[in-house]
N, C-alpha and C. Protein backbone atom coordinates (compact mmCIF):
# COMPACT_ATOMS: atom_id res chain seq x y z
N MET A 1 -52.24 38.78 -55.20
CA MET A 1 -51.47 39.96 -54.85
C MET A 1 -50.42 39.59 -53.79
N ASP A 2 -49.28 40.24 -53.87
CA ASP A 2 -48.25 39.99 -52.88
C ASP A 2 -48.38 40.99 -51.73
N THR A 3 -47.47 40.92 -50.79
CA THR A 3 -47.50 41.75 -49.59
C THR A 3 -47.47 43.24 -49.89
N TYR A 4 -46.85 43.65 -50.98
CA TYR A 4 -46.65 45.06 -51.26
C TYR A 4 -47.68 45.64 -52.23
N GLY A 5 -48.74 44.91 -52.50
CA GLY A 5 -49.83 45.45 -53.29
C GLY A 5 -49.72 45.24 -54.78
N GLY A 6 -48.75 44.49 -55.24
CA GLY A 6 -48.60 44.24 -56.67
C GLY A 6 -48.71 42.75 -56.95
N ALA A 7 -48.80 42.42 -58.19
CA ALA A 7 -48.85 41.01 -58.58
C ALA A 7 -47.50 40.61 -59.18
N GLN A 8 -47.10 39.38 -58.95
CA GLN A 8 -45.89 38.88 -59.59
C GLN A 8 -46.25 38.46 -61.01
N ASN A 9 -45.48 38.90 -61.96
CA ASN A 9 -45.77 38.64 -63.35
C ASN A 9 -44.47 38.23 -64.04
N PRO A 10 -44.42 37.05 -64.65
CA PRO A 10 -43.18 36.61 -65.30
C PRO A 10 -42.77 37.48 -66.49
N LEU A 11 -43.66 38.32 -66.97
CA LEU A 11 -43.31 39.21 -68.08
C LEU A 11 -42.67 40.50 -67.60
N VAL A 12 -42.65 40.73 -66.28
CA VAL A 12 -42.04 41.92 -65.70
C VAL A 12 -40.68 41.52 -65.15
N SER A 13 -39.65 42.21 -65.59
CA SER A 13 -38.30 41.84 -65.16
C SER A 13 -37.38 43.05 -65.16
N ALA A 14 -36.15 42.81 -64.76
CA ALA A 14 -35.12 43.84 -64.80
C ALA A 14 -33.82 43.19 -65.26
N ASP A 15 -32.96 43.98 -65.87
CA ASP A 15 -31.65 43.50 -66.28
C ASP A 15 -30.60 44.05 -65.32
N VAL A 16 -29.64 43.21 -64.97
CA VAL A 16 -28.55 43.63 -64.09
C VAL A 16 -27.25 43.28 -64.80
N THR A 17 -26.32 44.24 -64.82
CA THR A 17 -25.01 44.03 -65.44
C THR A 17 -23.93 44.35 -64.43
N TYR A 18 -22.91 43.51 -64.40
CA TYR A 18 -21.76 43.72 -63.52
C TYR A 18 -20.54 43.17 -64.23
N PHE A 19 -19.51 44.01 -64.39
CA PHE A 19 -18.29 43.51 -65.02
C PHE A 19 -17.08 44.31 -64.58
N ALA A 20 -15.92 43.69 -64.70
CA ALA A 20 -14.65 44.34 -64.37
C ALA A 20 -14.08 45.01 -65.60
N THR A 21 -13.38 46.11 -65.38
CA THR A 21 -12.71 46.79 -66.48
C THR A 21 -11.24 46.36 -66.50
N THR A 22 -10.58 46.58 -67.60
CA THR A 22 -9.18 46.17 -67.73
C THR A 22 -8.23 46.98 -66.86
N LYS A 23 -8.65 48.14 -66.39
CA LYS A 23 -7.79 48.99 -65.57
C LYS A 23 -8.08 48.84 -64.07
N GLY A 24 -8.84 47.81 -63.69
CA GLY A 24 -9.07 47.55 -62.27
C GLY A 24 -10.37 48.10 -61.73
N GLY A 25 -11.19 48.69 -62.55
CA GLY A 25 -12.48 49.20 -62.09
C GLY A 25 -13.57 48.16 -62.29
N ALA A 26 -14.78 48.56 -61.98
CA ALA A 26 -15.92 47.67 -62.17
C ALA A 26 -17.15 48.51 -62.50
N VAL A 27 -18.11 47.90 -63.15
CA VAL A 27 -19.34 48.57 -63.54
C VAL A 27 -20.52 47.75 -63.03
N PHE A 28 -21.46 48.41 -62.39
CA PHE A 28 -22.71 47.78 -61.96
C PHE A 28 -23.85 48.64 -62.47
N ALA A 29 -24.80 48.02 -63.15
CA ALA A 29 -25.97 48.75 -63.65
C ALA A 29 -27.21 47.91 -63.39
N ALA A 30 -28.21 48.53 -62.80
CA ALA A 30 -29.49 47.87 -62.56
C ALA A 30 -30.52 48.51 -63.48
N GLY A 31 -31.03 47.74 -64.43
CA GLY A 31 -31.99 48.26 -65.39
C GLY A 31 -33.41 48.05 -64.93
N SER A 32 -33.76 48.72 -63.87
CA SER A 32 -35.13 48.61 -63.35
C SER A 32 -35.57 49.98 -62.88
N ILE A 33 -36.73 50.40 -63.31
CA ILE A 33 -37.25 51.70 -62.91
C ILE A 33 -37.58 51.73 -61.41
N ALA A 34 -37.76 50.57 -60.81
CA ALA A 34 -38.18 50.51 -59.41
C ALA A 34 -37.08 50.00 -58.47
N TRP A 35 -35.82 49.95 -58.95
CA TRP A 35 -34.75 49.40 -58.11
C TRP A 35 -34.64 50.15 -56.78
N SER A 36 -34.53 51.45 -56.83
CA SER A 36 -34.35 52.21 -55.58
C SER A 36 -35.57 52.14 -54.67
N GLN A 37 -36.76 52.05 -55.24
CA GLN A 37 -37.95 51.95 -54.41
C GLN A 37 -38.04 50.60 -53.70
N ALA A 38 -37.38 49.58 -54.25
CA ALA A 38 -37.42 48.27 -53.63
C ALA A 38 -36.44 48.14 -52.45
N LEU A 39 -35.44 49.00 -52.38
CA LEU A 39 -34.42 48.88 -51.33
C LEU A 39 -34.99 48.84 -49.91
N PRO A 40 -35.92 49.73 -49.52
CA PRO A 40 -36.38 49.72 -48.14
C PRO A 40 -37.50 48.72 -47.82
N LEU A 41 -38.01 48.02 -48.83
CA LEU A 41 -39.11 47.08 -48.56
C LEU A 41 -38.69 46.01 -47.58
N ASN A 42 -39.61 45.63 -46.73
CA ASN A 42 -39.38 44.60 -45.72
C ASN A 42 -38.19 44.96 -44.83
N GLY A 43 -38.05 46.24 -44.53
CA GLY A 43 -36.97 46.70 -43.66
C GLY A 43 -35.59 46.50 -44.26
N GLY A 44 -35.49 46.47 -45.58
CA GLY A 44 -34.21 46.27 -46.24
C GLY A 44 -33.80 44.82 -46.35
N ASP A 45 -34.69 43.92 -45.95
CA ASP A 45 -34.42 42.48 -46.02
C ASP A 45 -35.12 41.92 -47.26
N ASN A 46 -34.51 42.18 -48.43
CA ASN A 46 -35.09 41.72 -49.69
C ASN A 46 -33.97 41.48 -50.70
N ASN A 47 -34.29 40.86 -51.82
CA ASN A 47 -33.27 40.49 -52.81
C ASN A 47 -32.55 41.70 -53.39
N VAL A 48 -33.28 42.78 -53.67
CA VAL A 48 -32.67 43.97 -54.27
C VAL A 48 -31.66 44.59 -53.30
N ALA A 49 -32.04 44.70 -52.04
CA ALA A 49 -31.13 45.26 -51.04
C ALA A 49 -29.91 44.37 -50.85
N THR A 50 -30.10 43.07 -50.89
CA THR A 50 -28.97 42.14 -50.73
C THR A 50 -28.00 42.26 -51.90
N ILE A 51 -28.51 42.31 -53.11
CA ILE A 51 -27.64 42.47 -54.28
C ILE A 51 -26.88 43.79 -54.19
N THR A 52 -27.58 44.87 -53.86
CA THR A 52 -26.95 46.19 -53.76
C THR A 52 -25.87 46.18 -52.68
N ARG A 53 -26.16 45.62 -51.53
CA ARG A 53 -25.20 45.55 -50.42
C ARG A 53 -23.95 44.76 -50.84
N ASN A 54 -24.15 43.61 -51.49
CA ASN A 54 -23.02 42.79 -51.91
C ASN A 54 -22.15 43.49 -52.95
N VAL A 55 -22.77 44.16 -53.90
CA VAL A 55 -22.01 44.88 -54.93
C VAL A 55 -21.23 46.03 -54.30
N LEU A 56 -21.87 46.81 -53.46
CA LEU A 56 -21.17 47.94 -52.82
C LEU A 56 -20.02 47.45 -51.95
N LYS A 57 -20.23 46.36 -51.22
CA LYS A 57 -19.16 45.80 -50.40
C LYS A 57 -17.98 45.37 -51.27
N ALA A 58 -18.27 44.71 -52.38
CA ALA A 58 -17.20 44.28 -53.29
C ALA A 58 -16.45 45.47 -53.87
N LEU A 59 -17.18 46.52 -54.21
CA LEU A 59 -16.54 47.70 -54.81
C LEU A 59 -15.59 48.40 -53.84
N VAL A 60 -15.89 48.39 -52.56
CA VAL A 60 -15.04 49.10 -51.61
C VAL A 60 -13.98 48.22 -50.94
N THR A 61 -14.08 46.90 -51.11
CA THR A 61 -13.13 46.05 -50.41
C THR A 61 -12.09 45.37 -51.30
N THR A 62 -12.25 45.46 -52.61
CA THR A 62 -11.27 44.84 -53.49
C THR A 62 -10.91 45.81 -54.62
N ARG A 63 -9.72 45.67 -55.14
CA ARG A 63 -9.28 46.54 -56.23
C ARG A 63 -10.06 46.24 -57.51
N ASN A 64 -10.29 44.98 -57.76
CA ASN A 64 -11.04 44.59 -58.95
C ASN A 64 -12.08 43.54 -58.52
N PRO A 65 -13.26 43.99 -58.09
CA PRO A 65 -14.25 43.10 -57.50
C PRO A 65 -14.63 41.90 -58.35
N ALA A 66 -14.69 42.05 -59.63
CA ALA A 66 -15.12 40.95 -60.49
C ALA A 66 -14.07 39.83 -60.54
N LEU A 67 -12.84 40.14 -60.20
CA LEU A 67 -11.78 39.13 -60.23
C LEU A 67 -11.41 38.62 -58.86
N ALA A 68 -12.10 39.10 -57.80
CA ALA A 68 -11.80 38.68 -56.44
C ALA A 68 -12.21 37.23 -56.24
N PRO A 69 -11.46 36.49 -55.42
CA PRO A 69 -11.81 35.07 -55.17
C PRO A 69 -13.11 34.94 -54.40
């Protein structure tokens, strides 16, 4: 068991999609039923929170985040 009371299982996963649109927008989708519940774990210091923070930062700081250097 891990710290949060569950077991790590290679058969349990989530899909994440991120892409730029031709008109300068971007799409981010997290295909996990537990994505939002994972955000506050370990005080927000976890992989899900880091991915979310990076995507949100890219969305607000560049016109087309997927094409930013």
